[in-house]
PDB file of N, CA and C in Angstrom:
ATOM      1  N   MET A   1      -1.126  -3.299  31.725  1.00  0.00           N
ATOM      2  CA  MET A   1      -1.121  -2.720  31.047  1.00  0.00           C
ATOM      3  C   MET A   1      -1.688  -2.775  29.367  1.00  0.00           C
ATOM      4  N   ASP A   2      -2.780  -1.924  29.232  1.00  0.00           N
ATOM      5  CA  ASP A   2      -3.660  -1.908  27.982  1.00  0.00           C
ATOM      6  C   ASP A   2      -2.962  -2.789  26.674  1.00  0.00           C
ATOM      7  N   HIS A   3      -3.567  -2.886  26.064  1.00  0.00           N
ATOM      8  CA  HIS A   3      -3.468  -3.898  24.763  1.00  0.00           C
ATOM      9  C   HIS A   3      -2.583  -2.278  23.793  1.00  0.00           C
ATOM     10  N   SER A   4      -3.708  -1.151  23.860  1.00  0.00           N
ATOM     11  CA  SER A   4      -2.770  -0.112  22.847  1.00  0.00           C
ATOM     12  C   SER A   4      -1.541   0.459  23.466  1.00  0.00           C
ATOM     13  N   ARG A   5      -1.214   0.501  24.920  1.00  0.00           N
ATOM     14  CA  ARG A   5      -0.088   1.086  25.520  1.00  0.00           C
ATOM     15  C   ARG A   5       0.563   0.204  25.027  1.00  0.00           C
ATOM     16  N   PHE A   6       0.888  -0.670  24.698  1.00  0.00           N
ATOM     17  CA  PHE A   6       1.794  -1.873  24.829  1.00  0.00           C
ATOM     18  C   PHE A   6       2.098  -1.944  23.243  1.00  0.00           C
ATOM     19  N   ASP A   7       1.271  -1.778  22.488  1.00  0.00           N
ATOM     20  CA  ASP A   7       1.180  -1.480  21.118  1.00  0.00           C
ATOM     21  C   ASP A   7       2.287  -0.102  20.103  1.00  0.00           C
ATOM     22  N   ARG A   8       1.934   0.942  21.354  1.00  0.00           N
ATOM     23  CA  ARG A   8       2.824   2.050  21.198  1.00  0.00           C
ATOM     24  C   ARG A   8       3.934   1.584  21.666  1.00  0.00           C
ATOM     25  N   LEU A   9       4.397   1.298  22.558  1.00  0.00           N
ATOM     26  CA  LEU A   9       6.338   1.107  23.410  1.00  0.00           C
ATOM     27  C   LEU A   9       6.931  -0.041  22.364  1.00  0.00           C
ATOM     28  N   ALA A  10       5.853  -1.037  21.676  1.00  0.00           N
ATOM     29  CA  ALA A  10       6.567  -1.801  21.091  1.00  0.00           C
ATOM     30  C   ALA A  10       7.181  -1.048  19.496  1.00  0.00           C
ATOM     31  N   ARG A  11       6.040  -0.496  19.288  1.00  0.00           N
ATOM     32  CA  ARG A  11       6.705   0.729  17.912  1.00  0.00           C
ATOM     33  C   ARG A  11       7.572   1.342  17.987  1.00  0.00           C
ATOM     34  N   VAL A  12       7.894   2.169  19.663  1.00  0.00           N
ATOM     35  CA  VAL A  12       8.603   2.747  19.424  1.00  0.00           C
ATOM     36  C   VAL A  12      10.016   2.442  19.806  1.00  0.00           C
ATOM     37  N   PHE A  13       9.822   1.075  20.116  1.00  0.00           N
ATOM     38  CA  PHE A  13      11.436   0.443  20.120  1.00  0.00           C
ATOM     39  C   PHE A  13      11.680  -0.606  19.318  1.00  0.00           C
ATOM     40  N   GLY A  14      10.527  -0.668  18.500  1.00  0.00           N
ATOM     41  CA  GLY A  14      11.036  -1.258  17.244  1.00  0.00           C
ATOM     42  C   GLY A  14      11.221  -0.755  16.035  1.00  0.00           C
ATOM     43  N   ARG A  15      11.581   0.377  16.322  1.00  0.00           N
ATOM     44  CA  ARG A  15      11.740   0.771  14.985  1.00  0.00           C
ATOM     45  C   ARG A  15      13.057   0.992  14.665  1.00  0.00           C
ATOM     46  N   SER A  16      14.048   1.708  13.454  1.00  0.00           N
ATOM     47  CA  SER A  16      15.158   1.504  13.612  1.00  0.00           C
ATOM     48  C   SER A  16      15.349   2.789  13.598  1.00  0.00           C
ATOM     49  N   ARG A  17      16.292   3.475  14.635  1.00  0.00           N
ATOM     50  CA  ARG A  17      16.323   5.136  15.398  1.00  0.00           C
ATOM     51  C   ARG A  17      18.267   5.310  14.561  1.00  0.00           C
ATOM     52  N   THR A  18      18.177   6.387  14.716  1.00  0.00           N
ATOM     53  CA  THR A  18      19.686   6.727  15.383  1.00  0.00           C
ATOM     54  C   THR A  18      20.050   6.623  16.645  1.00  0.00           C
ATOM     55  N   ARG A  19      21.382   6.880  16.915  1.00  0.00           N
ATOM     56  CA  ARG A  19      21.998   6.430  18.078  1.00  0.00           C
ATOM     57  C   ARG A  19      21.686   7.727  19.138  1.00  0.00           C
ATOM     58  N   ARG A  20      21.501   9.070  18.436  1.00  0.00           N
ATOM     59  CA  ARG A  20      20.967  10.371  19.075  1.00  0.00           C
ATOM     60  C   ARG A  20      19.528  10.292  19.454  1.00  0.00           C
ATOM     61  N   ALA A  21      18.744   9.652  18.096  1.00  0.00           N
ATOM     62  CA  ALA A  21      16.928   9.827  18.580  1.00  0.00           C
ATOM     63  C   ALA A  21      16.885   8.399  19.353  1.00  0.00           C
ATOM     64  N   ALA A  22      17.478   7.323  19.850  1.00  0.00           N
ATOM     65  CA  ALA A  22      18.003   6.093  20.538  1.00  0.00           C
ATOM     66  C   ALA A  22      18.021   6.974  22.440  1.00  0.00           C
ATOM     67  N   PHE A  23      19.198   7.472  21.865  1.00  0.00           N
ATOM     68  CA  PHE A  23      19.480   7.925  23.299  1.00  0.00           C
ATOM     69  C   PHE A  23      18.454   8.958  23.938  1.00  0.00           C
ATOM     70  N   ALA A  24      17.883   9.304  23.089  1.00  0.00           N
ATOM     71  CA  ALA A  24      16.885  10.831  23.426  1.00  0.00           C
ATOM     72  C   ALA A  24      15.509   9.964  24.150  1.00  0.00           C
ATOM     73  N   LEU A  25      15.631   8.957  22.890  1.00  0.00           N
ATOM     74  CA  LEU A  25      13.576   8.248  23.989  1.00  0.00           C
ATOM     75  C   LEU A  25      14.422   8.158  25.299  1.00  0.00           C
ATOM     76  N   LEU A  26      15.335   7.354  25.451  1.00  0.00           N
ATOM     77  CA  LEU A  26      16.104   6.967  27.041  1.00  0.00           C
ATOM     78  C   LEU A  26      15.972   8.056  27.795  1.00  0.00           C
ATOM     79  N   LEU A  27      16.344   9.119  27.583  1.00  0.00           N
ATOM     80  CA  LEU A  27      16.428  10.454  28.148  1.00  0.00           C
ATOM     81  C   LEU A  27      15.226  10.476  28.804  1.00  0.00           C
ATOM     82  N   GLY A  28      14.485  10.687  27.753  1.00  0.00           N
ATOM     83  CA  GLY A  28      12.863  10.808  27.489  1.00  0.00           C
ATOM     84  C   GLY A  28      11.848  10.516  28.758  1.00  0.00           C
ATOM     85  N   GLY A  29      12.467   9.876  28.626  1.00  0.00           N
ATOM     86  CA  GLY A  29      11.405   8.672  30.175  1.00  0.00           C
ATOM     87  C   GLY A  29      10.583   7.181  29.766  1.00  0.00           C
ATOM     88  N   VAL A  30      11.050   6.604  28.135  1.00  0.00           N
ATOM     89  CA  VAL A  30      10.246   5.746  28.011  1.00  0.00           C
ATOM     90  C   VAL A  30      10.717   4.920  28.611  1.00  0.00           C
ATOM     91  N   SER A  31      12.181   4.312  29.153  1.00  0.00           N
ATOM     92  CA  SER A  31      12.305   3.233  29.788  1.00  0.00           C
ATOM     93  C   SER A  31      11.842   3.122  31.427  1.00  0.00           C
ATOM     94  N   ALA A  32      11.846   4.309  31.434  1.00  0.00           N
ATOM     95  CA  ALA A  32      10.601   4.580  32.538  1.00  0.00           C
ATOM     96  C   ALA A  32       9.463   4.422  33.058  1.00  0.00           C
ATOM     97  N   GLY A  33       8.948   4.001  31.961  1.00  0.00           N
ATOM     98  CA  GLY A  33       7.233   3.371  31.855  1.00  0.00           C
ATOM     99  C   GLY A  33       6.398   4.899  31.000  1.00  0.00           C
ATOM    100  N   VAL A  34       7.347   6.356  31.256  1.00  0.00           N
ATOM    101  CA  VAL A  34       6.149   7.249  30.729  1.00  0.00           C
ATOM    102  C   VAL A  34       5.880   7.036  29.179  1.00  0.00           C
ATOM    103  N   SER A  35       4.755   7.691  28.962  1.00  0.00           N
ATOM    104  CA  SER A  35       3.827   7.182  27.872  1.00  0.00           C
ATOM    105  C   SER A  35       4.917   8.172  26.677  1.00  0.00           C
ATOM    106  N   ARG A  36       4.612   8.386  25.392  1.00  0.00           N
ATOM    107  CA  ARG A  36       4.951   9.098  23.967  1.00  0.00           C
ATOM    108  C   ARG A  36       4.741  10.387  24.156  1.00  0.00           C
ATOM    109  N   GLU A  37       3.625  10.330  24.989  1.00  0.00           N
ATOM    110  CA  GLU A  37       2.334  11.693  24.654  1.00  0.00           C
ATOM    111  C   GLU A  37       2.810  12.560  25.786  1.00  0.00           C
ATOM    112  N   ALA A  38       3.474  12.161  26.826  1.00  0.00           N
ATOM    113  CA  ALA A  38       4.108  13.259  27.701  1.00  0.00           C
ATOM    114  C   ALA A  38       5.231  13.173  27.739  1.00  0.00           C
ATOM    115  N   MET A  39       6.006  12.806  26.550  1.00  0.00           N
ATOM    116  CA  MET A  39       7.616  13.079  26.089  1.00  0.00           C
ATOM    117  C   MET A  39       7.055  14.439  24.790  1.00  0.00           C
ATOM    118  N   ALA A  40       8.158  14.771  24.679  1.00  0.00           N
ATOM    119  CA  ALA A  40       8.513  15.745  23.426  1.00  0.00           C
ATOM    120  C   ALA A  40       8.481  15.260  21.843  1.00  0.00           C
ATOM    121  N   CYS A  41       7.192  15.291  21.397  1.00  0.00           N
ATOM    122  CA  CYS A  41       6.999  14.724  20.186  1.00  0.00           C
ATOM    123  C   CYS A  41       6.703  15.947  19.120  1.00  0.00           C
ATOM    124  N   ILE A  42       6.657  15.712  18.131  1.00  0.00           N
ATOM    125  CA  ILE A  42       6.181  16.467  16.668  1.00  0.00           C
ATOM    126  C   ILE A  42       5.237  16.518  16.220  1.00  0.00           C
ATOM    127  N   ALA A  43       4.220  17.836  16.371  1.00  0.00           N
ATOM    128  CA  ALA A  43       2.884  17.385  16.026  1.00  0.00           C
ATOM    129  C   ALA A  43       2.617  17.341  14.720  1.00  0.00           C
ATOM    130  N   THR A  44       1.286  16.810  13.958  1.00  0.00           N
ATOM    131  CA  THR A  44       1.318  16.146  12.960  1.00  0.00           C
ATOM    132  C   THR A  44       0.977  17.960  12.415  1.00  0.00           C
ATOM    133  N   ASP A  45       1.343  17.972  10.314  1.00  0.00           N
ATOM    134  CA  ASP A  45       2.026  19.008   9.813  1.00  0.00           C
ATOM    135  C   ASP A  45       2.870  19.745  10.222  1.00  0.00           C
ATOM    136  N   LYS A  46       3.354  19.703  11.204  1.00  0.00           N
ATOM    137  CA  LYS A  46       5.111  19.966  11.848  1.00  0.00           C
ATOM    138  C   LYS A  46       5.679  19.559  10.306  1.00  0.00           C
ATOM    139  N   ARG A  47       7.233  20.805  10.419  1.00  0.00           N
ATOM    140  CA  ARG A  47       8.112  20.007   9.507  1.00  0.00           C
ATOM    141  C   ARG A  47       9.121  18.892  10.489  1.00  0.00           C
ATOM    142  N   CYS A  48       9.595  17.846  10.224  1.00  0.00           N
ATOM    143  CA  CYS A  48      10.082  16.791  10.829  1.00  0.00           C
ATOM    144  C   CYS A  48      11.215  16.670  10.414  1.00  0.00           C
ATOM    145  N   SER A  49      11.857  17.200   9.093  1.00  0.00           N
ATOM    146  CA  SER A  49      13.098  16.633   8.116  1.00  0.00           C
ATOM    147  C   SER A  49      13.357  18.168   7.321  1.00  0.00           C
ATOM    148  N   THR A  50      14.772  18.363   7.722  1.00  0.00           N
ATOM    149  CA  THR A  50      15.576  19.517   6.379  1.00  0.00           C
ATOM    150  C   THR A  50      17.019  18.890   6.090  1.00  0.00           C
ATOM    151  N   LYS A  51      17.521  19.545   5.373  1.00  0.00           N
ATOM    152  CA  LYS A  51      18.885  19.153   4.506  1.00  0.00           C
ATOM    153  C   LYS A  51      19.270  18.895   6.154  1.00  0.00           C
ATOM    154  N   LYS A  52      19.625  19.280   7.215  1.00  0.00           N
ATOM    155  CA  LYS A  52      20.914  19.469   8.137  1.00  0.00           C
ATOM    156  C   LYS A  52      20.132  18.099   9.776  1.00  0.00           C
ATOM    157  N   ARG A  53      18.940  17.762   9.245  1.00  0.00           N
ATOM    158  CA  ARG A  53      18.845  16.624  10.555  1.00  0.00           C
ATOM    159  C   ARG A  53      16.959  16.516  10.183  1.00  0.00           C
ATOM    160  N   ASP A  54      17.253  14.680  10.457  1.00  0.00           N
ATOM    161  CA  ASP A  54      16.013  14.498  10.245  1.00  0.00           C
ATOM    162  C   ASP A  54      14.779  13.805  11.642  1.00  0.00           C
ATOM    163  N   LYS A  55      14.161  14.309  11.812  1.00  0.00           N
ATOM    164  CA  LYS A  55      13.809  13.875  13.184  1.00  0.00           C
ATOM    165  C   LYS A  55      12.373  13.232  13.032  1.00  0.00           C
ATOM    166  N   CYS A  56      12.157  12.945  11.525  1.00  0.00           N
ATOM    167  CA  CYS A  56      10.432  12.271  11.555  1.00  0.00           C
ATOM    168  C   CYS A  56      10.100  10.789  12.482  1.00  0.00           C
ATOM    169  N   ASP A  57      11.130  10.532  12.869  1.00  0.00           N
ATOM    170  CA  ASP A  57      10.940   9.334  13.958  1.00  0.00           C
ATOM    171  C   ASP A  57      10.107   9.957  15.509  1.00  0.00           C
ATOM    172  N   LEU A  58      10.413  11.131  15.320  1.00  0.00           N
ATOM    173  CA  LEU A  58       9.608  11.339  16.719  1.00  0.00           C
ATOM    174  C   LEU A  58       8.370  12.246  16.292  1.00  0.00           C
ATOM    175  N   CYS A  59       7.672  11.996  14.954  1.00  0.00           N
ATOM    176  CA  CYS A  59       6.649  12.360  15.013  1.00  0.00           C
ATOM    177  C   CYS A  59       5.193  11.596  16.074  1.00  0.00           C
ATOM    178  N   CYS A  60       4.442  12.543  16.723  1.00  0.00           N
ATOM    179  CA  CYS A  60       3.430  12.197  17.482  1.00  0.00           C
ATOM    180  C   CYS A  60       2.417  11.499  17.225  1.00  0.00           C
ATOM    181  N   SER A  61       2.161  11.545  15.995  1.00  0.00           N
ATOM    182  CA  SER A  61       1.192  10.606  14.855  1.00  0.00           C
ATOM    183  C   SER A  61       2.140   9.409  14.053  1.00  0.00           C
ATOM    184  N   TYR A  62       3.360   8.812  14.737  1.00  0.00           N
ATOM    185  CA  TYR A  62       4.167   7.869  14.740  1.00  0.00           C
ATOM    186  C   TYR A  62       4.164   7.888  12.640  1.00  0.00           C
ATOM    187  N   PHE A  63       3.202   8.605  12.005  1.00  0.00           N
ATOM    188  CA  PHE A  63       3.598   8.900  10.573  1.00  0.00           C
ATOM    189  C   PHE A  63       4.377   9.641   9.722  1.00  0.00           C
ATOM    190  N   ASN A  64       4.392   9.934   8.861  1.00  0.00           N
ATOM    191  CA  ASN A  64       5.319  11.111   8.026  1.00  0.00           C
ATOM    192  C   ASN A  64       5.335  11.005   6.527  1.00  0.00           C
ATOM    193  N   ASP A  65       5.875  12.057   6.233  1.00  0.00           N
ATOM    194  CA  ASP A  65       5.962  11.709   4.463  1.00  0.00           C
ATOM    195  C   ASP A  65       7.515  12.460   3.842  1.00  0.00           C
ATOM    196  N   GLY A  66       8.052  11.826   5.367  1.00  0.00           N
ATOM    197  CA  GLY A  66       9.574  12.077   4.901  1.00  0.00           C
ATOM    198  C   GLY A  66      10.136  13.592   5.523  1.00  0.00           C
ATOM    199  N   THR A  67       8.784  14.616   5.057  1.00  0.00           N
ATOM    200  CA  THR A  67       9.198  15.850   5.754  1.00  0.00           C
ATOM    201  C   THR A  67       8.563  16.641   6.240  1.00  0.00           C
ATOM    202  N   TYR A  68       7.334  16.267   6.680  1.00  0.00           N
ATOM    203  CA  TYR A  68       6.083  16.606   7.466  1.00  0.00           C
ATOM    204  C   TYR A  68       5.693  15.610   8.577  1.00  0.00           C
ATOM    205  N   CYS A  69       5.296  15.894   9.602  1.00  0.00           N
ATOM    206  CA  CYS A  69       4.257  14.555  10.478  1.00  0.00           C
ATOM    207  C   CYS A  69       3.109  15.031   9.700  1.00  0.00           C
ATOM    208  N   ARG A  70       2.714  13.808   9.362  1.00  0.00           N
ATOM    209  CA  ARG A  70       1.084  13.681   8.945  1.00  0.00           C
ATOM    210  C   ARG A  70       0.433  12.422   9.818  1.00  0.00           C
ATOM    211  N   CYS A  71      -0.696  12.945   9.574  1.00  0.00           N
ATOM    212  CA  CYS A  71      -2.224  11.669  10.076  1.00  0.00           C
ATOM    213  C   CYS A  71      -2.474  11.218   8.860  1.00  0.00           C
ATOM    214  N   LYS A  72      -2.926   9.942   9.000  1.00  0.00           N
ATOM    215  CA  LYS A  72      -3.784   8.700   7.776  1.00  0.00           C
ATOM    216  C   LYS A  72      -4.823   9.343   7.769  1.00  0.00           C
ATOM    217  N   PRO A  73      -5.731   9.657   6.426  1.00  0.00           N
ATOM    218  CA  PRO A  73      -6.724   9.593   6.695  1.00  0.00           C
ATOM    219  C   PRO A  73      -7.982   8.850   6.431  1.00  0.00           C
ATOM    220  N   SER A  74      -9.136   8.405   6.361  1.00  0.00           N
ATOM    221  CA  SER A  74     -10.190   7.161   6.787  1.00  0.00           C
ATOM    222  C   SER A  74      -9.549   6.616   5.759  1.00  0.00           C
ATOM    223  N   ARG A  75      -9.767   5.093   5.949  1.00  0.00           N
ATOM    224  CA  ARG A  75      -9.805   4.171   5.583  1.00  0.00           C
ATOM    225  C   ARG A  75      -8.435   3.447   5.062  1.00  0.00           C
ATOM    226  N   LYS A  76      -7.509   4.303   5.601  1.00  0.00           N
ATOM    227  CA  LYS A  76      -5.984   3.365   5.578  1.00  0.00           C
ATOM    228  C   LYS A  76      -6.199   3.057   6.212  1.00  0.00           C
ATOM    229  N   SER A  77      -4.492   1.898   6.236  1.00  0.00           N
ATOM    230  CA  SER A  77      -4.527   1.180   7.089  1.00  0.00           C
ATOM    231  C   SER A  77      -3.663   1.722   8.437  1.00  0.00           C
ATOM    232  N   CYS A  78      -4.141   1.444  10.069  1.00  0.00           N
ATOM    233  CA  CYS A  78      -3.579   1.792  11.236  1.00  0.00           C
ATOM    234  C   CYS A  78      -3.322   1.070  11.539  1.00  0.00           C
ATOM    235  N   GLY A  79      -2.393   1.513  12.753  1.00  0.00           N
ATOM    236  CA  GLY A  79      -1.945   0.615  14.086  1.00  0.00           C
ATOM    237  C   GLY A  79      -2.284   1.243  15.277  1.00  0.00           C
ATOM    238  N   ASN A  80      -2.398   2.508  15.212  1.00  0.00           N
ATOM    239  CA  ASN A  80      -3.155   2.959  16.319  1.00  0.00           C
ATOM    240  C   ASN A  80      -3.574   4.220  16.356  1.00  0.00           C
ATOM    241  N   ASP A  81      -4.580   4.567  17.465  1.00  0.00           N
ATOM    242  CA  ASP A  81      -5.561   6.408  17.436  1.00  0.00           C
ATOM    243  C   ASP A  81      -4.639   6.902  16.723  1.00  0.00           C
ATOM    244  N   LEU A  82      -3.173   7.074  17.164  1.00  0.00           N
ATOM    245  CA  LEU A  82      -2.358   8.528  16.923  1.00  0.00           C
ATOM    246  C   LEU A  82      -2.056   8.568  15.532  1.00  0.00           C
ATOM    247  N   GLU A  83      -2.304   7.644  15.011  1.00  0.00           N
ATOM    248  CA  GLU A  83      -1.592   8.038  13.105  1.00  0.00           C
ATOM    249  C   GLU A  83      -2.882   8.051  12.319  1.00  0.00           C
ATOM    250  N   CYS A  84      -4.155   8.202  12.849  1.00  0.00           N
ATOM    251  CA  CYS A  84      -5.419   8.389  12.328  1.00  0.00           C
ATOM    252  C   CYS A  84      -5.596  10.025  12.281  1.00  0.00           C
ATOM    253  N   CYS A  85      -5.961  10.348  11.599  1.00  0.00           N
ATOM    254  CA  CYS A  85      -6.760  11.945  11.164  1.00  0.00           C
ATOM    255  C   CYS A  85      -8.478  12.345  12.365  1.00  0.00           C
ATOM    256  N   SER A  86      -8.807  10.880  12.570  1.00  0.00           N
ATOM    257  CA  SER A  86     -10.031  11.042  13.236  1.00  0.00           C
ATOM    258  C   SER A  86      -9.525  10.890  14.566  1.00  0.00           C
ATOM    259  N   GLY A  87      -8.570  10.604  14.762  1.00  0.00           N
ATOM    260  CA  GLY A  87      -8.330   9.926  16.363  1.00  0.00           C
ATOM    261  C   GLY A  87      -9.042   8.159  16.389  1.00  0.00           C
ATOM    262  N   LEU A  88      -9.288   7.648  15.278  1.00  0.00           N
ATOM    263  CA  LEU A  88     -10.046   6.337  15.401  1.00  0.00           C
ATOM    264  C   LEU A  88      -9.453   5.233  15.181  1.00  0.00           C
ATOM    265  N   CYS A  89      -9.044   4.118  15.103  1.00  0.00           N
ATOM    266  CA  CYS A  89      -8.079   3.034  14.757  1.00  0.00           C
ATOM    267  C   CYS A  89      -8.929   2.074  14.841  1.00  0.00           C
ATOM    268  N   SER A  90     -10.408   1.885  13.568  1.00  0.00           N
ATOM    269  CA  SER A  90     -10.978   0.401  14.239  1.00  0.00           C
ATOM    270  C   SER A  90     -10.257  -0.891  14.014  1.00  0.00           C
ATOM    271  N   PHE A  91     -10.813  -1.440  14.358  1.00  0.00           N
ATOM    272  CA  PHE A  91      -9.739  -3.042  14.295  1.00  0.00           C
ATOM    273  C   PHE A  91     -10.722  -3.939  14.073  1.00  0.00           C
ATOM    274  N   THR A  92     -10.576  -4.623  12.563  1.00  0.00           N
ATOM    275  CA  THR A  92     -11.257  -6.160  12.147  1.00  0.00           C
ATOM    276  C   THR A  92     -10.446  -6.959  12.552  1.00  0.00           C
ATOM    277  N   GLY A  93     -10.197  -8.115  13.621  1.00  0.00           N
ATOM    278  CA  GLY A  93      -8.993  -9.298  13.557  1.00  0.00           C
ATOM    279  C   GLY A  93      -8.184  -8.408  14.051  1.00  0.00           C
ATOM    280  N   SER A  94      -7.231  -8.415  12.878  1.00  0.00           N
ATOM    281  CA  SER A  94      -5.434  -7.833  13.300  1.00  0.00           C
ATOM    282  C   SER A  94      -5.285  -6.681  12.409  1.00  0.00           C
ATOM    283  N   LYS A  95      -6.256  -6.430  11.741  1.00  0.00           N
ATOM    284  CA  LYS A  95      -5.965  -5.244  10.949  1.00  0.00           C
ATOM    285  C   LYS A  95      -6.716  -4.066  11.135  1.00  0.00           C
ATOM    286  N   GLY A  96      -5.926  -2.896  11.179  1.00  0.00           N
ATOM    287  CA  GLY A  96      -6.584  -1.537  11.733  1.00  0.00           C
ATOM    288  C   GLY A  96      -6.974  -0.540  10.218  1.00  0.00           C
ATOM    289  N   ARG A  97      -7.745  -0.288  10.510  1.00  0.00           N
ATOM    290  CA  ARG A  97      -8.228   0.946   9.643  1.00  0.00           C
ATOM    291  C   ARG A  97      -8.752   2.287  10.217  1.00  0.00           C
ATOM    292  N   CYS A  98      -7.945   3.441   9.822  1.00  0.00           N
ATOM    293  CA  CYS A  98      -8.791   4.615  10.229  1.00  0.00           C
ATOM    294  C   CYS A  98     -10.186   4.963   9.646  1.00  0.00           C
ATOM    295  N   SER A  99     -11.209   5.402  10.870  1.00  0.00           N
ATOM    296  CA  SER A  99     -12.224   5.504  10.424  1.00  0.00           C
ATOM    297  C   SER A  99     -12.573   7.110  10.404  1.00  0.00           C
TER     298      SER A  99
END
């Protein structure tokens, strides 16, 4: 398993989630080794939260503003390529920045 895939899995399991979201992830195949990209996730710039439900923890980009799934602009800190609008998170040592 490469380091970026491991980081993505660690983020998925490391986040605090509702019981429903955690159950959905297990049913979605994370425990079977299927990557998050293959599962149903909410695309960037799509609404992830309403008054009745909050699914922002299911953003494909792993980043949200509380209402919409977002991507991070250049020079913002990042943990993987999916978070960045450019699709590239460059690491210097242990710190990543969107390119």
